[in-house]
Amino acid sequence: MKKRILTIIICLVLTGTTIFYLDKITTKLASFFNSTPKVSIEEKNQYAKEKDYAYLQTTDKFVPYNYQELLNVLYTILDSGYDTFTFYCPNEYQECLNDIKQISNTTNNEVLTTIGNYVSPYNNFSTIRIEYDTAGEVTVYITHLYSEEEINKISNEINRVWTSLVSEGMTNKEIIYAFHDYIINHTKYDEKYEEELKNLGKTTYHSDKAIGPLFEGHAICSGYTDTMSIVLDRLGITNYKVASNTHVWNAVYLDGSWLHLDLTWDDPVSEDRSKDNLLHKFFLVDTESLESFDIKEHTFDKSIYQELK
C-alpha cells in the first residue's frame, strides 16, 4: 500500500513538473524542427567582382526573407563562381519557393540571364538548374560558360595583345579605345550564327563568346561584349552588360559617370561585305546621346540598369 501511494506521489510530481515546463519544451522542439539549417559557404574564386548595384547587391546572408534578398543570394552565388550551392527558404518568406519556381522556369530564364549580366563572363553560366523541396532546401547547379582551358587561352591572348597595345602612361580611356579598335579590326559580325544555330544546332564559330573575336575573327553582340568586359575587368573598371530584348552591350563606370560602349554597332555590316568598318559612334556615350540615335535595339529596362538612367 505504501509503495502504491509513493508511486502515485512520484507520478503526480513528474506530471506537475512536465506541465510546468511544457511550454519551454514545446518552444525548444519547435525551434529545433523549424530552424533553418546552417549554410556551408566556400571561398569565392578569383573572378568574383563583389560589386553592389542598384538592382543587385552581394550578401553574406544566404537565408532570404523577401524577393530582393532572394535575387541577392542568386547574384552572390553566380558572382562567387560556385559550381553548386545550397541555401534555405525560411518559414517567414512564404512565397520563397513559388518565387524560386518562377525564376527557375526553363522556358523563361530572363531573371537569371539578367543576373548573369552583372558577373564576370568567366563566372556566368551556360546552363543553370535550380532544385528545391517542400522543406525549403534550394540547390543551384551551374555549368559555367567558359572552361578553365578557354579562360587560360583567352587570358594568354589578352596578355599578348596588351603588350602590343598598351604603353606606360596611357589612361584607362585610351586603353579601352585601343582594345575597341583592335577587336573590331580583327572581327566580323557573324551573320550566319542564328541561321546555323536554328538549322544545324551548332555554329561554325564561337561567336557568342570571347573565343570568337579573339581567335576566329567572328562575333555576335555577346562575343564582342564578353571580350570587352574581360578587358575592363583587367583594368579594374566597374562594368556590366546591359541588355535589351534583342541586343547586349557594355555599361562602363569611367571618370565618375556611367557610359555605354557598343562594339557591335561600331562594327556595322555594310552592303559591301568585303569592306571592314570601324566607327566610334557608340564609344563611351552617355544615355542621352545613345537615346538620341533612336535605335530600338538600344531600348533597355531602366528599372534594372538604374545606373544608366
Protein backbone atom coordinates (compact mmCIF):
# COMPACT_ATOMS: atom_id res chain seq x y z
CA MET A 1 0.00 0.00 0.00
CA LYS A 2 2.83 2.38 0.90
CA LYS A 3 4.57 1.58 -2.36
CA ARG A 4 1.39 2.31 -4.26
CA ILE A 5 0.98 5.67 -2.56
CA LEU A 6 4.64 6.51 -3.21
CA THR A 7 4.25 5.64 -6.88
CA ILE A 8 1.20 7.88 -7.13
CA ILE A 9 3.08 10.75 -5.48
CA ILE A 10 6.04 10.35 -7.88
CA CYS A 11 3.69 10.30 -10.88
CA LEU A 12 1.96 13.44 -9.66
CA VAL A 13 5.30 15.21 -9.17
CA LEU A 14 6.51 14.21 -12.65
CA THR A 15 3.21 15.25 -14.20
CA GLY A 16 3.32 18.57 -12.44
CA THR A 17 6.92 19.18 -13.50
CA THR A 18 6.10 18.28 -17.11
CA ILE A 19 3.14 20.66 -17.15
CA PHE A 20 5.26 23.41 -15.59
CA TYR A 21 7.98 23.06 -18.25
CA LEU A 22 5.68 22.08 -21.14
CA ASP A 23 5.74 25.50 -22.75
CA LYS A 24 9.52 25.65 -22.68
CA ILE A 25 9.84 22.11 -24.02
CA THR A 26 7.37 22.83 -26.84
CA THR A 27 9.24 26.00 -27.75
CA LYS A 28 12.56 24.17 -27.85
CA LEU A 29 11.14 21.40 -30.06
CA ALA A 30 9.51 23.89 -32.42
CA SER A 31 12.74 25.83 -32.63
CA PHE A 32 14.68 22.66 -33.43
CA PHE A 33 12.36 21.45 -36.18
CA ASN A 34 11.69 24.87 -37.72
CA SER A 35 15.20 26.27 -37.57
CA THR A 36 16.96 26.98 -40.85
CA PRO A 37 19.98 24.70 -41.35
CA LYS A 38 23.37 26.38 -41.48
CA VAL A 39 24.60 27.23 -44.98
CA SER A 40 28.03 25.97 -45.99
CA ILE A 41 29.94 28.78 -47.70
CA GLU A 42 33.03 28.09 -49.79
CA GLU A 43 35.70 30.58 -50.82
CA LYS A 44 34.92 32.72 -53.86
CA ASN A 45 37.04 32.30 -56.97
CA GLN A 46 39.43 34.88 -58.40
CA TYR A 47 36.89 36.23 -60.87
CA ALA A 48 34.36 37.37 -58.28
CA LYS A 49 33.70 41.09 -58.67
CA GLU A 50 31.92 41.61 -55.32
CA LYS A 51 30.23 44.78 -56.58
CA ASP A 52 26.93 46.26 -55.44
CA TYR A 53 24.49 47.89 -57.83
CA ALA A 54 21.04 49.44 -57.57
CA TYR A 55 19.38 46.25 -58.84
CA LEU A 56 21.58 43.68 -57.09
CA GLN A 57 23.83 43.59 -54.04
CA THR A 58 26.23 40.97 -52.74
CA THR A 59 25.29 39.32 -49.47
CA ASP A 60 26.78 37.12 -46.78
CA LYS A 61 23.32 36.13 -45.52
CA PHE A 62 22.08 33.18 -47.53
CA VAL A 63 18.65 32.98 -45.91
CA PRO A 64 16.41 35.31 -47.96
CA TYR A 65 13.38 36.88 -46.27
CA ASN A 66 11.96 38.64 -49.36
CA TYR A 67 12.28 38.70 -53.15
CA GLN A 68 15.11 41.23 -53.26
CA GLU A 69 17.16 39.20 -50.81
CA LEU A 70 16.49 36.11 -52.94
CA LEU A 71 17.86 37.92 -56.01
CA ASN A 72 20.89 38.98 -53.97
CA VAL A 73 21.54 35.39 -52.90
CA LEU A 74 21.40 34.15 -56.52
CA TYR A 75 23.60 37.04 -57.66
CA THR A 76 26.20 36.31 -54.98
CA ILE A 77 26.22 32.61 -55.89
CA LEU A 78 26.92 33.42 -59.54
CA ASP A 79 29.39 36.21 -58.80
CA SER A 80 31.35 33.91 -56.48
CA GLY A 81 31.94 31.32 -59.19
CA TYR A 82 30.36 28.39 -57.35
CA ASP A 83 29.52 25.20 -59.23
CA THR A 84 26.86 24.18 -56.71
CA PHE A 85 25.39 25.96 -53.74
CA THR A 86 22.63 25.11 -51.28
CA PHE A 87 20.60 27.62 -49.28
CA TYR A 88 17.27 27.56 -47.48
CA CYS A 89 13.95 29.36 -47.64
CA PRO A 90 12.78 30.35 -44.14
CA ASN A 91 9.19 29.90 -42.99
CA GLU A 92 8.82 33.68 -42.72
CA TYR A 93 9.21 34.08 -46.51
CA GLN A 94 6.07 32.21 -47.52
CA GLU A 95 6.40 32.93 -51.25
CA CYS A 96 10.03 31.88 -51.43
CA LEU A 97 9.54 28.51 -53.14
CA ASN A 98 6.97 29.95 -55.53
CA ASP A 99 9.42 32.72 -56.46
CA ILE A 100 12.14 30.10 -56.95
CA LYS A 101 9.80 28.17 -59.21
CA GLN A 102 9.13 31.23 -61.36
CA ILE A 103 12.80 32.23 -61.57
CA SER A 104 13.96 28.71 -62.46
CA ASN A 105 11.35 28.24 -65.20
CA THR A 106 13.44 26.94 -68.11
CA THR A 107 11.09 28.43 -70.69
CA ASN A 108 11.74 31.92 -69.38
CA ASN A 109 15.07 32.43 -67.60
CA GLU A 110 15.08 36.20 -68.08
CA VAL A 111 15.78 36.90 -64.40
CA LEU A 112 18.77 34.55 -64.25
CA THR A 113 20.11 35.89 -67.56
CA THR A 114 19.85 39.43 -66.22
CA ILE A 115 21.69 38.46 -63.04
CA GLY A 116 24.39 36.88 -65.21
CA ASN A 117 24.93 40.24 -66.93
CA TYR A 118 26.37 41.62 -63.69
CA VAL A 119 29.06 38.99 -63.11
CA SER A 120 32.37 38.25 -64.79
CA PRO A 121 31.96 36.40 -68.11
CA TYR A 122 34.14 33.70 -66.56
CA ASN A 123 31.57 33.19 -63.77
CA ASN A 124 28.50 33.41 -65.99
CA PHE A 125 26.55 30.28 -66.84
CA SER A 126 25.85 28.31 -69.99
CA THR A 127 23.25 26.30 -68.08
CA ILE A 128 21.82 26.72 -64.61
CA ARG A 129 19.46 24.38 -62.78
CA ILE A 130 17.68 25.05 -59.51
CA GLU A 131 16.21 22.20 -57.47
CA TYR A 132 14.10 22.67 -54.35
CA ASP A 133 11.90 20.68 -51.97
CA THR A 134 8.94 21.42 -49.74
CA ALA A 135 11.22 21.67 -46.71
CA GLY A 136 12.74 24.80 -48.26
CA GLU A 137 16.11 23.43 -49.32
CA VAL A 138 17.26 25.04 -52.57
CA THR A 139 20.29 23.86 -54.55
CA VAL A 140 21.73 25.71 -57.53
CA TYR A 141 23.77 23.78 -60.12
CA ILE A 142 25.87 25.86 -62.51
CA THR A 143 27.70 24.92 -65.70
CA HIS A 144 29.97 27.83 -66.47
CA LEU A 145 30.10 29.46 -69.88
CA TYR A 146 33.90 29.23 -70.10
CA SER A 147 36.03 26.21 -69.30
CA GLU A 148 39.34 26.61 -67.48
CA GLU A 149 41.11 25.77 -70.72
CA GLU A 150 39.26 28.56 -72.53
CA ILE A 151 39.96 31.01 -69.71
CA ASN A 152 43.69 30.29 -69.85
CA LYS A 153 43.67 30.59 -73.62
CA ILE A 154 41.82 33.92 -73.54
CA SER A 155 44.00 35.29 -70.73
CA ASN A 156 47.17 34.47 -72.64
CA GLU A 157 45.82 36.16 -75.76
CA ILE A 158 44.74 39.26 -73.85
CA ASN A 159 48.25 39.42 -72.36
CA ARG A 160 49.79 39.18 -75.82
CA VAL A 161 47.57 41.90 -77.25
CA TRP A 162 48.04 44.02 -74.14
CA THR A 163 51.81 44.02 -74.66
CA SER A 164 51.40 45.29 -78.22
CA LEU A 165 48.73 47.92 -77.50
CA VAL A 166 49.35 49.34 -74.04
CA SER A 167 52.26 51.56 -73.18
CA GLU A 168 53.24 53.30 -69.97
CA GLY A 169 51.28 56.44 -69.22
CA MET A 170 48.15 55.51 -71.16
CA THR A 171 44.88 56.43 -69.48
CA ASN A 172 42.12 53.88 -68.98
CA LYS A 173 40.09 55.57 -71.70
CA GLU A 174 43.00 55.30 -74.13
CA ILE A 175 43.44 51.60 -73.32
CA ILE A 176 39.71 50.96 -73.84
CA TYR A 177 39.93 52.83 -77.15
CA ALA A 178 42.89 50.73 -78.27
CA PHE A 179 41.13 47.44 -77.46
CA HIS A 180 37.89 48.70 -79.00
CA ASP A 181 39.69 49.26 -82.30
CA TYR A 182 41.72 46.05 -82.09
CA ILE A 183 38.69 43.85 -81.50
CA ILE A 184 36.72 45.46 -84.31
CA ASN A 185 39.63 45.38 -86.76
CA HIS A 186 40.13 41.66 -86.15
CA THR A 187 36.45 40.69 -86.14
CA LYS A 188 33.50 40.48 -88.49
CA TYR A 189 29.90 40.24 -87.37
CA ASP A 190 28.79 36.63 -87.76
CA GLU A 191 25.71 36.98 -89.96
CA LYS A 192 25.21 33.21 -90.22
CA TYR A 193 25.25 32.47 -86.50
CA GLU A 194 21.49 32.46 -85.83
CA GLU A 195 20.68 30.59 -89.04
CA GLU A 196 23.27 27.90 -88.34
CA LEU A 197 22.11 27.50 -84.76
CA LYS A 198 18.48 27.17 -85.83
CA ASN A 199 19.03 24.80 -88.78
CA LEU A 200 22.07 22.81 -87.68
CA GLY A 201 22.03 23.06 -83.90
CA LYS A 202 25.65 24.21 -83.97
CA THR A 203 27.70 27.06 -85.37
CA THR A 204 30.93 27.38 -87.32
CA TYR A 205 32.40 29.91 -84.89
CA HIS A 206 32.16 30.51 -81.14
CA SER A 207 30.79 33.94 -81.95
CA ASP A 208 28.77 34.26 -78.75
CA LYS A 209 31.89 34.11 -76.57
CA ALA A 210 35.28 35.84 -76.40
CA ILE A 211 36.77 32.88 -78.28
CA GLY A 212 35.09 34.12 -81.48
CA PRO A 213 36.59 37.61 -81.78
CA LEU A 214 39.96 36.76 -80.27
CA PHE A 215 40.73 33.56 -82.20
CA GLU A 216 38.21 33.05 -85.01
CA GLY A 217 37.60 36.57 -86.28
CA HIS A 218 33.81 36.35 -85.88
CA ALA A 219 31.39 37.54 -83.20
CA ILE A 220 27.83 38.39 -82.39
CA CYS A 221 26.95 41.01 -79.79
CA SER A 222 27.62 38.76 -76.78
CA GLY A 223 31.06 37.86 -78.14
CA TYR A 224 32.06 41.50 -78.58
CA THR A 225 30.65 42.35 -75.15
CA ASP A 226 32.31 39.48 -73.27
CA THR A 227 35.69 40.30 -74.76
CA MET A 228 35.48 43.94 -73.74
CA SER A 229 34.14 43.01 -70.31
CA ILE A 230 37.21 40.84 -69.72
CA VAL A 231 39.46 43.76 -70.67
CA LEU A 232 37.52 46.14 -68.40
CA ASP A 233 37.79 43.68 -65.51
CA ARG A 234 41.53 43.51 -66.01
CA LEU A 235 41.66 47.30 -65.80
CA GLY A 236 39.68 47.16 -62.57
CA ILE A 237 36.90 49.26 -64.09
CA THR A 238 33.38 48.68 -62.80
CA ASN A 239 31.20 47.42 -65.62
CA TYR A 240 28.33 45.14 -66.50
CA LYS A 241 26.47 44.01 -69.59
CA VAL A 242 23.27 45.84 -70.39
CA ALA A 243 20.67 44.06 -72.50
CA SER A 244 17.58 44.96 -74.48
CA ASN A 245 15.22 42.36 -75.91
CA THR A 246 17.48 41.80 -78.93
CA HIS A 247 20.91 43.13 -78.09
CA VAL A 248 23.64 43.35 -75.44
CA TRP A 249 26.49 45.82 -74.91
CA ASN A 250 28.79 47.14 -72.16
CA ALA A 251 27.98 49.63 -69.44
CA VAL A 252 31.13 51.25 -68.08
CA TYR A 253 31.73 53.41 -65.00
CA LEU A 254 34.53 55.75 -66.01
CA ASP A 255 35.65 59.07 -64.52
CA GLY A 256 32.59 59.31 -62.31
CA SER A 257 29.99 58.57 -64.99
CA TRP A 258 28.13 55.55 -66.35
CA LEU A 259 28.60 55.26 -70.11
CA HIS A 260 27.62 52.91 -72.94
CA LEU A 261 30.16 51.03 -75.05
CA ASP A 262 28.83 49.08 -78.03
CA LEU A 263 31.43 47.40 -80.22
CA THR A 264 28.81 45.57 -82.27
CA TRP A 265 27.28 48.77 -83.58
CA ASP A 266 30.73 50.29 -84.07
CA ASP A 267 31.45 47.33 -86.41
CA PRO A 268 28.43 47.55 -88.71
CA VAL A 269 27.79 45.21 -91.63
CA SER A 270 27.72 47.15 -94.90
CA GLU A 271 26.34 46.21 -98.29
CA ASP A 272 29.92 45.66 -99.44
CA ARG A 273 30.74 42.60 -97.37
CA SER A 274 34.42 42.85 -98.24
CA LYS A 275 34.68 46.25 -96.55
CA ASP A 276 35.72 46.49 -92.91
CA ASN A 277 34.04 49.22 -90.91
CA LEU A 278 35.26 50.91 -87.76
CA LEU A 279 33.18 53.56 -86.02
CA HIS A 280 33.34 55.36 -82.69
CA LYS A 281 29.73 56.48 -82.63
CA PHE A 282 28.95 54.19 -79.68
CA PHE A 283 32.24 54.59 -77.85
CA LEU A 284 31.62 55.62 -74.22
CA VAL A 285 28.48 57.66 -74.84
CA ASP A 286 26.00 58.71 -72.18
CA THR A 287 22.38 57.56 -72.15
CA GLU A 288 21.06 60.83 -73.56
CA SER A 289 23.37 60.51 -76.57
CA LEU A 290 22.52 56.83 -77.04
CA GLU A 291 18.80 57.54 -77.00
CA SER A 292 19.19 60.42 -79.45
CA PHE A 293 20.20 57.86 -82.11
CA ASP A 294 16.68 56.39 -81.76
CA ILE A 295 17.71 52.75 -82.28
CA LYS A 296 15.13 50.28 -80.97
CA GLU A 297 17.82 47.66 -80.18
CA HIS A 298 19.16 50.05 -77.54
CA THR A 299 15.89 50.30 -75.61
CA PHE A 300 16.66 48.87 -72.18
CA ASP A 301 14.87 48.49 -68.85
CA LYS A 302 15.91 51.40 -66.64
CA SER A 303 14.29 49.82 -63.59
CA ILE A 304 17.02 47.16 -63.83
CA TYR A 305 20.01 49.08 -65.19
CA GLN A 306 19.31 52.02 -62.93
CA GLU A 307 22.83 53.49 -63.11
CA LEU A 308 22.14 54.33 -66.76
CA LYS A 309 19.02 56.46 -66.21
